[in-house]
Amino acid sequence: MYGHIVTTGISFGTALAIAISYSTNHSVLWAIFHGFLSWIYVIYHVIFH
């Protein structure tokens, strides 16, 4: 089990960005867009909200 790295799937930052975006905007399209931004959107949300 040691040395096994997951190479597919979404990162924690992406999932967090999608969850924050959807709970704030209630829009799937914005959630997908913010998911692409990942940690950039999470940091933006923490600083400005």
PDB file of N, CA and C in Angstrom:
ATOM      1  N   MET A   1       0.798  -1.201   0.000  1.00  0.00           N
ATOM      2  CA  MET A   1       0.000   0.000   0.000  1.00  0.00           C
ATOM      3  C   MET A   1       0.843   1.268   0.000  1.00  0.00           C
ATOM      4  N   TYR A   2       2.025   1.191   0.535  1.00  0.00           N
ATOM      5  CA  TYR A   2       2.879   2.377   0.572  1.00  0.00           C
ATOM      6  C   TYR A   2       3.383   2.701  -0.826  1.00  0.00           C
ATOM      7  N   GLY A   3       3.437   3.980  -1.152  1.00  0.00           N
ATOM      8  CA  GLY A   3       3.904   4.395  -2.461  1.00  0.00           C
ATOM      9  C   GLY A   3       2.810   4.466  -3.504  1.00  0.00           C
ATOM     10  N   HIS A   4       1.575   4.118  -3.150  1.00  0.00           N
ATOM     11  CA  HIS A   4       0.455   4.170  -4.088  1.00  0.00           C
ATOM     12  C   HIS A   4      -0.077   5.599  -4.151  1.00  0.00           C
ATOM     13  N   ILE A   5      -0.089   6.177  -5.333  1.00  0.00           N
ATOM     14  CA  ILE A   5      -0.539   7.557  -5.515  1.00  0.00           C
ATOM     15  C   ILE A   5      -1.763   7.557  -6.413  1.00  0.00           C
ATOM     16  N   VAL A   6      -2.781   8.291  -6.016  1.00  0.00           N
ATOM     17  CA  VAL A   6      -3.979   8.431  -6.829  1.00  0.00           C
ATOM     18  C   VAL A   6      -3.686   9.436  -7.935  1.00  0.00           C
ATOM     19  N   THR A   7      -3.908   9.030  -9.177  1.00  0.00           N
ATOM     20  CA  THR A   7      -3.608   9.913 -10.302  1.00  0.00           C
ATOM     21  C   THR A   7      -4.858  10.421 -11.003  1.00  0.00           C
ATOM     22  N   THR A   8      -6.023   9.938 -10.614  1.00  0.00           N
ATOM     23  CA  THR A   8      -7.261  10.402 -11.222  1.00  0.00           C
ATOM     24  C   THR A   8      -8.215  10.868 -10.139  1.00  0.00           C
ATOM     25  N   GLY A   9      -9.236  11.563 -10.557  1.00  0.00           N
ATOM     26  CA  GLY A   9     -10.214  12.061  -9.598  1.00  0.00           C
ATOM     27  C   GLY A   9     -10.013  13.541  -9.330  1.00  0.00           C
ATOM     28  N   ILE A  10     -10.822  14.071  -8.424  1.00  0.00           N
ATOM     29  CA  ILE A  10     -10.707  15.487  -8.106  1.00  0.00           C
ATOM     30  C   ILE A  10      -9.968  15.660  -6.794  1.00  0.00           C
ATOM     31  N   SER A  11      -9.328  16.797  -6.655  1.00  0.00           N
ATOM     32  CA  SER A  11      -8.577  17.067  -5.432  1.00  0.00           C
ATOM     33  C   SER A  11      -9.514  17.584  -4.348  1.00  0.00           C
ATOM     34  N   PHE A  12      -9.006  17.627  -3.138  1.00  0.00           N
ATOM     35  CA  PHE A  12      -9.781  18.165  -2.027  1.00  0.00           C
ATOM     36  C   PHE A  12     -10.117  19.632  -2.277  1.00  0.00           C
ATOM     37  N   GLY A  13      -9.180  20.383  -2.836  1.00  0.00           N
ATOM     38  CA  GLY A  13      -9.410  21.800  -3.130  1.00  0.00           C
ATOM     39  C   GLY A  13     -10.533  22.004  -4.127  1.00  0.00           C
ATOM     40  N   THR A  14     -10.603  21.145  -5.129  1.00  0.00           N
ATOM     41  CA  THR A  14     -11.665  21.231  -6.127  1.00  0.00           C
ATOM     42  C   THR A  14     -13.017  20.935  -5.498  1.00  0.00           C
ATOM     43  N   ALA A  15     -13.090  19.879  -4.702  1.00  0.00           N
ATOM     44  CA  ALA A  15     -14.347  19.525  -4.038  1.00  0.00           C
ATOM     45  C   ALA A  15     -14.786  20.625  -3.079  1.00  0.00           C
ATOM     46  N   LEU A  16     -13.837  21.202  -2.367  1.00  0.00           N
ATOM     47  CA  LEU A  16     -14.152  22.286  -1.442  1.00  0.00           C
ATOM     48  C   LEU A  16     -14.647  23.515  -2.189  1.00  0.00           C
ATOM     49  N   ALA A  17     -13.999  23.866  -3.292  1.00  0.00           N
ATOM     50  CA  ALA A  17     -14.421  25.016  -4.094  1.00  0.00           C
ATOM     51  C   ALA A  17     -15.830  24.817  -4.640  1.00  0.00           C
ATOM     52  N   ILE A  18     -16.134  23.613  -5.111  1.00  0.00           N
ATOM     53  CA  ILE A  18     -17.468  23.320  -5.638  1.00  0.00           C
ATOM     54  C   ILE A  18     -18.516  23.431  -4.538  1.00  0.00           C
ATOM     55  N   ALA A  19     -18.227  22.885  -3.371  1.00  0.00           N
ATOM     56  CA  ALA A  19     -19.182  22.936  -2.259  1.00  0.00           C
ATOM     57  C   ALA A  19     -19.426  24.366  -1.796  1.00  0.00           C
ATOM     58  N   ILE A  20     -18.368  25.147  -1.647  1.00  0.00           N
ATOM     59  CA  ILE A  20     -18.515  26.549  -1.223  1.00  0.00           C
ATOM     60  C   ILE A  20     -19.291  27.334  -2.267  1.00  0.00           C
ATOM     61  N   SER A  21     -18.924  27.162  -3.531  1.00  0.00           N
ATOM     62  CA  SER A  21     -19.576  27.904  -4.606  1.00  0.00           C
ATOM     63  C   SER A  21     -21.060  27.577  -4.692  1.00  0.00           C
ATOM     64  N   TYR A  22     -21.406  26.288  -4.623  1.00  0.00           N
ATOM     65  CA  TYR A  22     -22.811  25.918  -4.738  1.00  0.00           C
ATOM     66  C   TYR A  22     -23.623  26.413  -3.546  1.00  0.00           C
ATOM     67  N   SER A  23     -23.055  26.347  -2.355  1.00  0.00           N
ATOM     68  CA  SER A  23     -23.790  26.816  -1.179  1.00  0.00           C
ATOM     69  C   SER A  23     -23.942  28.333  -1.186  1.00  0.00           C
ATOM     70  N   THR A  24     -23.017  29.036  -1.821  1.00  0.00           N
ATOM     71  CA  THR A  24     -23.098  30.496  -1.895  1.00  0.00           C
ATOM     72  C   THR A  24     -24.004  30.950  -3.028  1.00  0.00           C
ATOM     73  N   ASN A  25     -23.832  30.375  -4.230  1.00  0.00           N
ATOM     74  CA  ASN A  25     -24.522  30.863  -5.430  1.00  0.00           C
ATOM     75  C   ASN A  25     -25.731  30.037  -5.851  1.00  0.00           C
ATOM     76  N   HIS A  26     -25.861  28.809  -5.373  1.00  0.00           N
ATOM     77  CA  HIS A  26     -26.946  27.899  -5.769  1.00  0.00           C
ATOM     78  C   HIS A  26     -27.008  27.730  -7.282  1.00  0.00           C
ATOM     79  N   SER A  27     -25.831  27.617  -7.907  1.00  0.00           N
ATOM     80  CA  SER A  27     -25.746  27.456  -9.355  1.00  0.00           C
ATOM     81  C   SER A  27     -24.717  26.375  -9.687  1.00  0.00           C
ATOM     82  N   VAL A  28     -25.143  25.396 -10.464  1.00  0.00           N
ATOM     83  CA  VAL A  28     -24.243  24.317 -10.853  1.00  0.00           C
ATOM     84  C   VAL A  28     -23.157  24.837 -11.797  1.00  0.00           C
ATOM     85  N   LEU A  29     -23.518  25.741 -12.705  1.00  0.00           N
ATOM     86  CA  LEU A  29     -22.529  26.266 -13.650  1.00  0.00           C
ATOM     87  C   LEU A  29     -21.416  27.029 -12.936  1.00  0.00           C
ATOM     88  N   TRP A  30     -21.777  27.874 -11.968  1.00  0.00           N
ATOM     89  CA  TRP A  30     -20.753  28.583 -11.196  1.00  0.00           C
ATOM     90  C   TRP A  30     -19.920  27.600 -10.391  1.00  0.00           C
ATOM     91  N   ALA A  31     -20.541  26.559  -9.861  1.00  0.00           N
ATOM     92  CA  ALA A  31     -19.809  25.560  -9.083  1.00  0.00           C
ATOM     93  C   ALA A  31     -18.773  24.843  -9.949  1.00  0.00           C
ATOM     94  N   ILE A  32     -19.136  24.516 -11.176  1.00  0.00           N
ATOM     95  CA  ILE A  32     -18.188  23.872 -12.089  1.00  0.00           C
ATOM     96  C   ILE A  32     -17.040  24.819 -12.414  1.00  0.00           C
ATOM     97  N   PHE A  33     -17.363  26.070 -12.715  1.00  0.00           N
ATOM     98  CA  PHE A  33     -16.328  27.064 -13.019  1.00  0.00           C
ATOM     99  C   PHE A  33     -15.377  27.246 -11.841  1.00  0.00           C
ATOM    100  N   HIS A  34     -15.939  27.389 -10.649  1.00  0.00           N
ATOM    101  CA  HIS A  34     -15.099  27.566  -9.467  1.00  0.00           C
ATOM    102  C   HIS A  34     -14.324  26.294  -9.143  1.00  0.00           C
ATOM    103  N   GLY A  35     -14.844  25.139  -9.524  1.00  0.00           N
ATOM    104  CA  GLY A  35     -14.104  23.893  -9.361  1.00  0.00           C
ATOM    105  C   GLY A  35     -12.831  23.881 -10.185  1.00  0.00           C
ATOM    106  N   PHE A  36     -12.885  24.478 -11.382  1.00  0.00           N
ATOM    107  CA  PHE A  36     -11.674  24.588 -12.201  1.00  0.00           C
ATOM    108  C   PHE A  36     -10.643  25.504 -11.548  1.00  0.00           C
ATOM    109  N   LEU A  37     -11.119  26.520 -10.843  1.00  0.00           N
ATOM    110  CA  LEU A  37     -10.195  27.440 -10.171  1.00  0.00           C
ATOM    111  C   LEU A  37      -9.615  26.837  -8.896  1.00  0.00           C
ATOM    112  N   SER A  38     -10.338  25.899  -8.314  1.00  0.00           N
ATOM    113  CA  SER A  38      -9.903  25.138  -7.145  1.00  0.00           C
ATOM    114  C   SER A  38      -9.466  26.026  -5.984  1.00  0.00           C
ATOM    115  N   TRP A  39      -8.207  25.906  -5.543  1.00  0.00           N
ATOM    116  CA  TRP A  39      -7.723  26.608  -4.355  1.00  0.00           C
ATOM    117  C   TRP A  39      -7.746  28.121  -4.523  1.00  0.00           C
ATOM    118  N   ILE A  40      -7.657  28.611  -5.756  1.00  0.00           N
ATOM    119  CA  ILE A  40      -7.713  30.064  -5.974  1.00  0.00           C
ATOM    120  C   ILE A  40      -9.052  30.596  -5.482  1.00  0.00           C
ATOM    121  N   TYR A  41     -10.145  29.906  -5.825  1.00  0.00           N
ATOM    122  CA  TYR A  41     -11.464  30.342  -5.376  1.00  0.00           C
ATOM    123  C   TYR A  41     -11.631  30.170  -3.872  1.00  0.00           C
ATOM    124  N   VAL A  42     -11.111  29.101  -3.313  1.00  0.00           N
ATOM    125  CA  VAL A  42     -11.223  28.870  -1.867  1.00  0.00           C
ATOM    126  C   VAL A  42     -10.542  30.002  -1.107  1.00  0.00           C
ATOM    127  N   ILE A  43      -9.334  30.365  -1.511  1.00  0.00           N
ATOM    128  CA  ILE A  43      -8.611  31.454  -0.847  1.00  0.00           C
ATOM    129  C   ILE A  43      -9.344  32.776  -1.030  1.00  0.00           C
ATOM    130  N   TYR A  44      -9.858  33.031  -2.239  1.00  0.00           N
ATOM    131  CA  TYR A  44     -10.639  34.246  -2.494  1.00  0.00           C
ATOM    132  C   TYR A  44     -11.852  34.309  -1.566  1.00  0.00           C
ATOM    133  N   HIS A  45     -12.551  33.204  -1.434  1.00  0.00           N
ATOM    134  CA  HIS A  45     -13.754  33.174  -0.602  1.00  0.00           C
ATOM    135  C   HIS A  45     -13.412  33.429   0.870  1.00  0.00           C
ATOM    136  N   VAL A  46     -12.322  32.869   1.340  1.00  0.00           N
ATOM    137  CA  VAL A  46     -11.912  33.067   2.736  1.00  0.00           C
ATOM    138  C   VAL A  46     -11.552  34.530   2.992  1.00  0.00           C
ATOM    139  N   ILE A  47     -10.868  35.156   2.056  1.00  0.00           N
ATOM    140  CA  ILE A  47     -10.418  36.539   2.254  1.00  0.00           C
ATOM    141  C   ILE A  47     -11.568  37.536   2.146  1.00  0.00           C
ATOM    142  N   PHE A  48     -12.440  37.367   1.172  1.00  0.00           N
ATOM    143  CA  PHE A  48     -13.445  38.385   0.876  1.00  0.00           C
ATOM    144  C   PHE A  48     -14.852  38.094   1.383  1.00  0.00           C
ATOM    145  N   HIS A  49     -15.093  36.966   2.027  1.00  0.00           N
ATOM    146  CA  HIS A  49     -16.446  36.695   2.544  1.00  0.00           C
ATOM    147  C   HIS A  49     -16.419  36.448   4.008  1.00  0.00           C
TER     148      HIS A  49
END
